Amino acid sequence: QVQLVESGGGLVQAGASLRLSCIASGRTLSMYAMGWFRQAPGKEREFVAAISWSGGVTYYADSVKGRFTISRDNAMNTVYLQMNSLKPEDTAVYYCAAGRAVGRAVGSYDDWGPGTQVTVSS
């Protein structure tokens, strides 16, 4: 099991940028595919982006493609989500997750962080 902690959330205006970080402990991050998900009030948790253990494969939700970038630094045991051109509809709690294989489904991931709040005002 790997422990995950997200940071970097906050309150920003539409059009601004934020970079979320997810730091892992307990096991080396290079063993895992990593994903970012988000959950808005009253909605189900939804896929945002994912990256393979090597960083060679990435997936994005259509709603964030071209605006968000997922990356990882295995030496630092950290995964990032760079979010540009933020919109009010991006408002949610953002979670990072670790799994054995890169994928878009919540069920593909075994370990989750507690989440970080991102609020985008119009």
C-alpha atoms as a PDB file:
ATOM      1  CA  GLN A   1       0.000   0.000   0.000  1.00  0.00           C
ATOM      2  CA  VAL A   2       1.182   3.511  -0.803  1.00  0.00           C
ATOM      3  CA  GLN A   3       0.140   6.634   1.085  1.00  0.00           C
ATOM      4  CA  LEU A   4      -0.754   9.673  -1.009  1.00  0.00           C
ATOM      5  CA  VAL A   5      -1.183  13.330  -0.063  1.00  0.00           C
ATOM      6  CA  GLU A   6      -2.362  16.023  -2.467  1.00  0.00           C
ATOM      7  CA  SER A   7      -1.550  19.714  -2.246  1.00  0.00           C
ATOM      8  CA  GLY A   8      -1.782  22.859  -4.336  1.00  0.00           C
ATOM      9  CA  GLY A   9      -5.510  23.427  -4.405  1.00  0.00           C
ATOM     10  CA  GLY A  10      -7.090  26.788  -3.753  1.00  0.00           C
ATOM     11  CA  LEU A  11      -9.490  29.506  -4.852  1.00  0.00           C
ATOM     12  CA  VAL A  12      -8.726  31.131  -8.195  1.00  0.00           C
ATOM     13  CA  GLN A  13     -10.526  33.137 -10.859  1.00  0.00           C
ATOM     14  CA  ALA A  14     -11.532  31.725 -14.210  1.00  0.00           C
ATOM     15  CA  GLY A  15      -8.602  31.647 -16.608  1.00  0.00           C
ATOM     16  CA  ALA A  16      -5.998  31.179 -13.883  1.00  0.00           C
ATOM     17  CA  SER A  17      -3.634  28.256 -13.399  1.00  0.00           C
ATOM     18  CA  LEU A  18      -2.883  25.897 -10.546  1.00  0.00           C
ATOM     19  CA  ARG A  19      -0.452  23.035 -10.133  1.00  0.00           C
ATOM     20  CA  LEU A  20      -1.487  20.156  -7.944  1.00  0.00           C
ATOM     21  CA  SER A  21       1.085  17.843  -6.408  1.00  0.00           C
ATOM     22  CA  CYS A  22       0.673  14.349  -5.049  1.00  0.00           C
ATOM     23  CA  ILE A  23       3.460  13.016  -2.839  1.00  0.00           C
ATOM     24  CA  ALA A  24       3.716   9.311  -2.162  1.00  0.00           C
ATOM     25  CA  SER A  25       5.218   7.500   0.791  1.00  0.00           C
ATOM     26  CA  GLY A  26       5.450   3.923   1.900  1.00  0.00           C
ATOM     27  CA  ARG A  27       6.478   2.524  -1.455  1.00  0.00           C
ATOM     28  CA  THR A  28       8.313   3.873  -4.454  1.00  0.00           C
ATOM     29  CA  LEU A  29       6.007   5.637  -6.855  1.00  0.00           C
ATOM     30  CA  SER A  30       7.738   4.156  -9.879  1.00  0.00           C
ATOM     31  CA  MET A  31       5.890   0.880  -9.225  1.00  0.00           C
ATOM     32  CA  TYR A  32       2.510   2.488  -9.945  1.00  0.00           C
ATOM     33  CA  ALA A  33       0.391   4.002 -12.629  1.00  0.00           C
ATOM     34  CA  MET A  34      -1.106   7.227 -11.312  1.00  0.00           C
ATOM     35  CA  GLY A  35      -4.370   8.995 -11.899  1.00  0.00           C
ATOM     36  CA  TRP A  36      -6.102  12.234 -11.017  1.00  0.00           C
ATOM     37  CA  PHE A  37      -9.841  12.257 -10.406  1.00  0.00           C
ATOM     38  CA  ARG A  38     -12.258  14.913  -9.207  1.00  0.00           C
ATOM     39  CA  GLN A  39     -15.595  15.035  -7.488  1.00  0.00           C
ATOM     40  CA  ALA A  40     -17.951  17.993  -7.421  1.00  0.00           C
ATOM     41  CA  PRO A  41     -20.770  18.275  -4.856  1.00  0.00           C
ATOM     42  CA  GLY A  42     -23.642  15.976  -5.734  1.00  0.00           C
ATOM     43  CA  LYS A  43     -21.727  14.303  -8.556  1.00  0.00           C
ATOM     44  CA  GLU A  44     -19.843  11.068  -8.980  1.00  0.00           C
ATOM     45  CA  ARG A  45     -16.074  10.940  -8.921  1.00  0.00           C
ATOM     46  CA  GLU A  46     -14.803  11.396 -12.471  1.00  0.00           C
ATOM     47  CA  PHE A  47     -11.581  10.706 -14.305  1.00  0.00           C
ATOM     48  CA  VAL A  48      -9.323  13.660 -15.114  1.00  0.00           C
ATOM     49  CA  ALA A  49      -5.924  12.309 -16.204  1.00  0.00           C
ATOM     50  CA  ALA A  50      -3.650   9.302 -15.868  1.00  0.00           C
ATOM     51  CA  ILE A  51      -0.016   8.470 -16.474  1.00  0.00           C
ATOM     52  CA  SER A  52       1.840   5.183 -16.776  1.00  0.00           C
ATOM     53  CA  TRP A  53       4.629   4.222 -14.393  1.00  0.00           C
ATOM     54  CA  SER A  54       7.275   5.402 -16.862  1.00  0.00           C
ATOM     55  CA  GLY A  55       5.421   8.525 -17.929  1.00  0.00           C
ATOM     56  CA  GLY A  56       5.333   7.312 -21.502  1.00  0.00           C
ATOM     57  CA  VAL A  57       1.564   6.962 -21.702  1.00  0.00           C
ATOM     58  CA  THR A  58      -0.951   9.603 -20.654  1.00  0.00           C
ATOM     59  CA  TYR A  59      -4.733   9.819 -20.849  1.00  0.00           C
ATOM     60  CA  TYR A  60      -7.005  12.813 -20.393  1.00  0.00           C
ATOM     61  CA  ALA A  61     -10.702  13.403 -20.050  1.00  0.00           C
ATOM     62  CA  ASP A  62     -12.102  15.289 -23.035  1.00  0.00           C
ATOM     63  CA  SER A  63     -13.169  18.119 -20.731  1.00  0.00           C
ATOM     64  CA  VAL A  64      -9.570  18.905 -19.724  1.00  0.00           C
ATOM     65  CA  LYS A  65      -7.611  17.915 -22.827  1.00  0.00           C
ATOM     66  CA  GLY A  66      -5.399  20.769 -23.974  1.00  0.00           C
ATOM     67  CA  ARG A  67      -5.713  22.588 -20.632  1.00  0.00           C
ATOM     68  CA  PHE A  68      -4.375  20.089 -18.075  1.00  0.00           C
ATOM     69  CA  THR A  69      -1.068  18.217 -18.106  1.00  0.00           C
ATOM     70  CA  ILE A  70      -0.159  15.251 -15.933  1.00  0.00           C
ATOM     71  CA  SER A  71       3.488  14.504 -15.206  1.00  0.00           C
ATOM     72  CA  ARG A  72       5.562  12.611 -12.701  1.00  0.00           C
ATOM     73  CA  ASP A  73       8.965  12.696 -11.064  1.00  0.00           C
ATOM     74  CA  ASN A  74       9.667   9.210  -9.785  1.00  0.00           C
ATOM     75  CA  ALA A  75      12.877  10.309  -8.095  1.00  0.00           C
ATOM     76  CA  MET A  76      10.816  12.735  -6.013  1.00  0.00           C
ATOM     77  CA  ASN A  77       7.931  10.265  -5.562  1.00  0.00           C
ATOM     78  CA  THR A  78       5.621  12.983  -6.858  1.00  0.00           C
ATOM     79  CA  VAL A  79       2.937  13.322  -9.506  1.00  0.00           C
ATOM     80  CA  TYR A  80       1.726  16.676 -10.780  1.00  0.00           C
ATOM     81  CA  LEU A  81      -1.351  18.044 -12.465  1.00  0.00           C
ATOM     82  CA  GLN A  82      -0.785  21.376 -14.189  1.00  0.00           C
ATOM     83  CA  MET A  83      -4.141  23.047 -14.733  1.00  0.00           C
ATOM     84  CA  ASN A  84      -4.353  26.023 -17.071  1.00  0.00           C
ATOM     85  CA  SER A  85      -7.287  28.102 -18.300  1.00  0.00           C
ATOM     86  CA  LEU A  86      -9.377  26.994 -15.355  1.00  0.00           C
ATOM     87  CA  LYS A  87     -13.157  27.194 -15.638  1.00  0.00           C
ATOM     88  CA  PRO A  88     -15.856  27.334 -12.955  1.00  0.00           C
ATOM     89  CA  GLU A  89     -16.900  23.816 -13.981  1.00  0.00           C
ATOM     90  CA  ASP A  90     -13.455  22.583 -12.879  1.00  0.00           C
ATOM     91  CA  THR A  91     -14.476  23.281  -9.283  1.00  0.00           C
ATOM     92  CA  ALA A  92     -14.203  20.029  -7.310  1.00  0.00           C
ATOM     93  CA  VAL A  93     -12.164  18.075  -4.825  1.00  0.00           C
ATOM     94  CA  TYR A  94      -9.218  16.596  -6.713  1.00  0.00           C
ATOM     95  CA  TYR A  95      -7.837  13.198  -5.758  1.00  0.00           C
ATOM     96  CA  CYS A  96      -4.717  11.372  -6.822  1.00  0.00           C
ATOM     97  CA  ALA A  97      -4.689   7.602  -6.977  1.00  0.00           C
ATOM     98  CA  ALA A  98      -2.194   4.782  -7.487  1.00  0.00           C
ATOM     99  CA  GLY A  99      -2.825   1.575  -9.363  1.00  0.00           C
ATOM    100  CA  ARG A 100      -1.150  -1.356 -11.088  1.00  0.00           C
ATOM    101  CA  ALA A 101      -2.163  -0.367 -14.601  1.00  0.00           C
ATOM    102  CA  VAL A 102      -2.975   2.976 -16.172  1.00  0.00           C
ATOM    103  CA  GLY A 103      -6.670   3.459 -16.826  1.00  0.00           C
ATOM    104  CA  ARG A 104      -9.673   5.768 -16.719  1.00  0.00           C
ATOM    105  CA  ALA A 105     -11.856   3.852 -14.287  1.00  0.00           C
ATOM    106  CA  VAL A 106     -12.050   4.494 -10.556  1.00  0.00           C
ATOM    107  CA  GLY A 107     -11.761   0.752 -10.060  1.00  0.00           C
ATOM    108  CA  SER A 108      -8.343   0.672 -11.719  1.00  0.00           C
ATOM    109  CA  TYR A 109      -6.812   2.307  -8.656  1.00  0.00           C
ATOM    110  CA  ASP A 110      -6.220   0.874  -5.207  1.00  0.00           C
ATOM    111  CA  ASP A 111      -4.818   3.703  -3.119  1.00  0.00           C
ATOM    112  CA  TRP A 112      -6.220   7.217  -2.837  1.00  0.00           C
ATOM    113  CA  GLY A 113      -5.246  10.479  -1.240  1.00  0.00           C
ATOM    114  CA  PRO A 114      -7.629  12.558   0.911  1.00  0.00           C
ATOM    115  CA  GLY A 115      -8.091  15.171  -1.824  1.00  0.00           C
ATOM    116  CA  THR A 116      -7.500  18.887  -2.277  1.00  0.00           C
ATOM    117  CA  GLN A 117     -10.191  21.474  -2.995  1.00  0.00           C
ATOM    118  CA  VAL A 118     -10.051  23.502  -6.192  1.00  0.00           C
ATOM    119  CA  THR A 119     -12.542  26.354  -6.527  1.00  0.00           C
ATOM    120  CA  VAL A 120     -12.751  28.457  -9.668  1.00  0.00           C
ATOM    121  CA  SER A 121     -14.814  31.623  -9.508  1.00  0.00           C
ATOM    122  CA  SER A 122     -16.373  33.252 -12.557  1.00  0.00           C
END
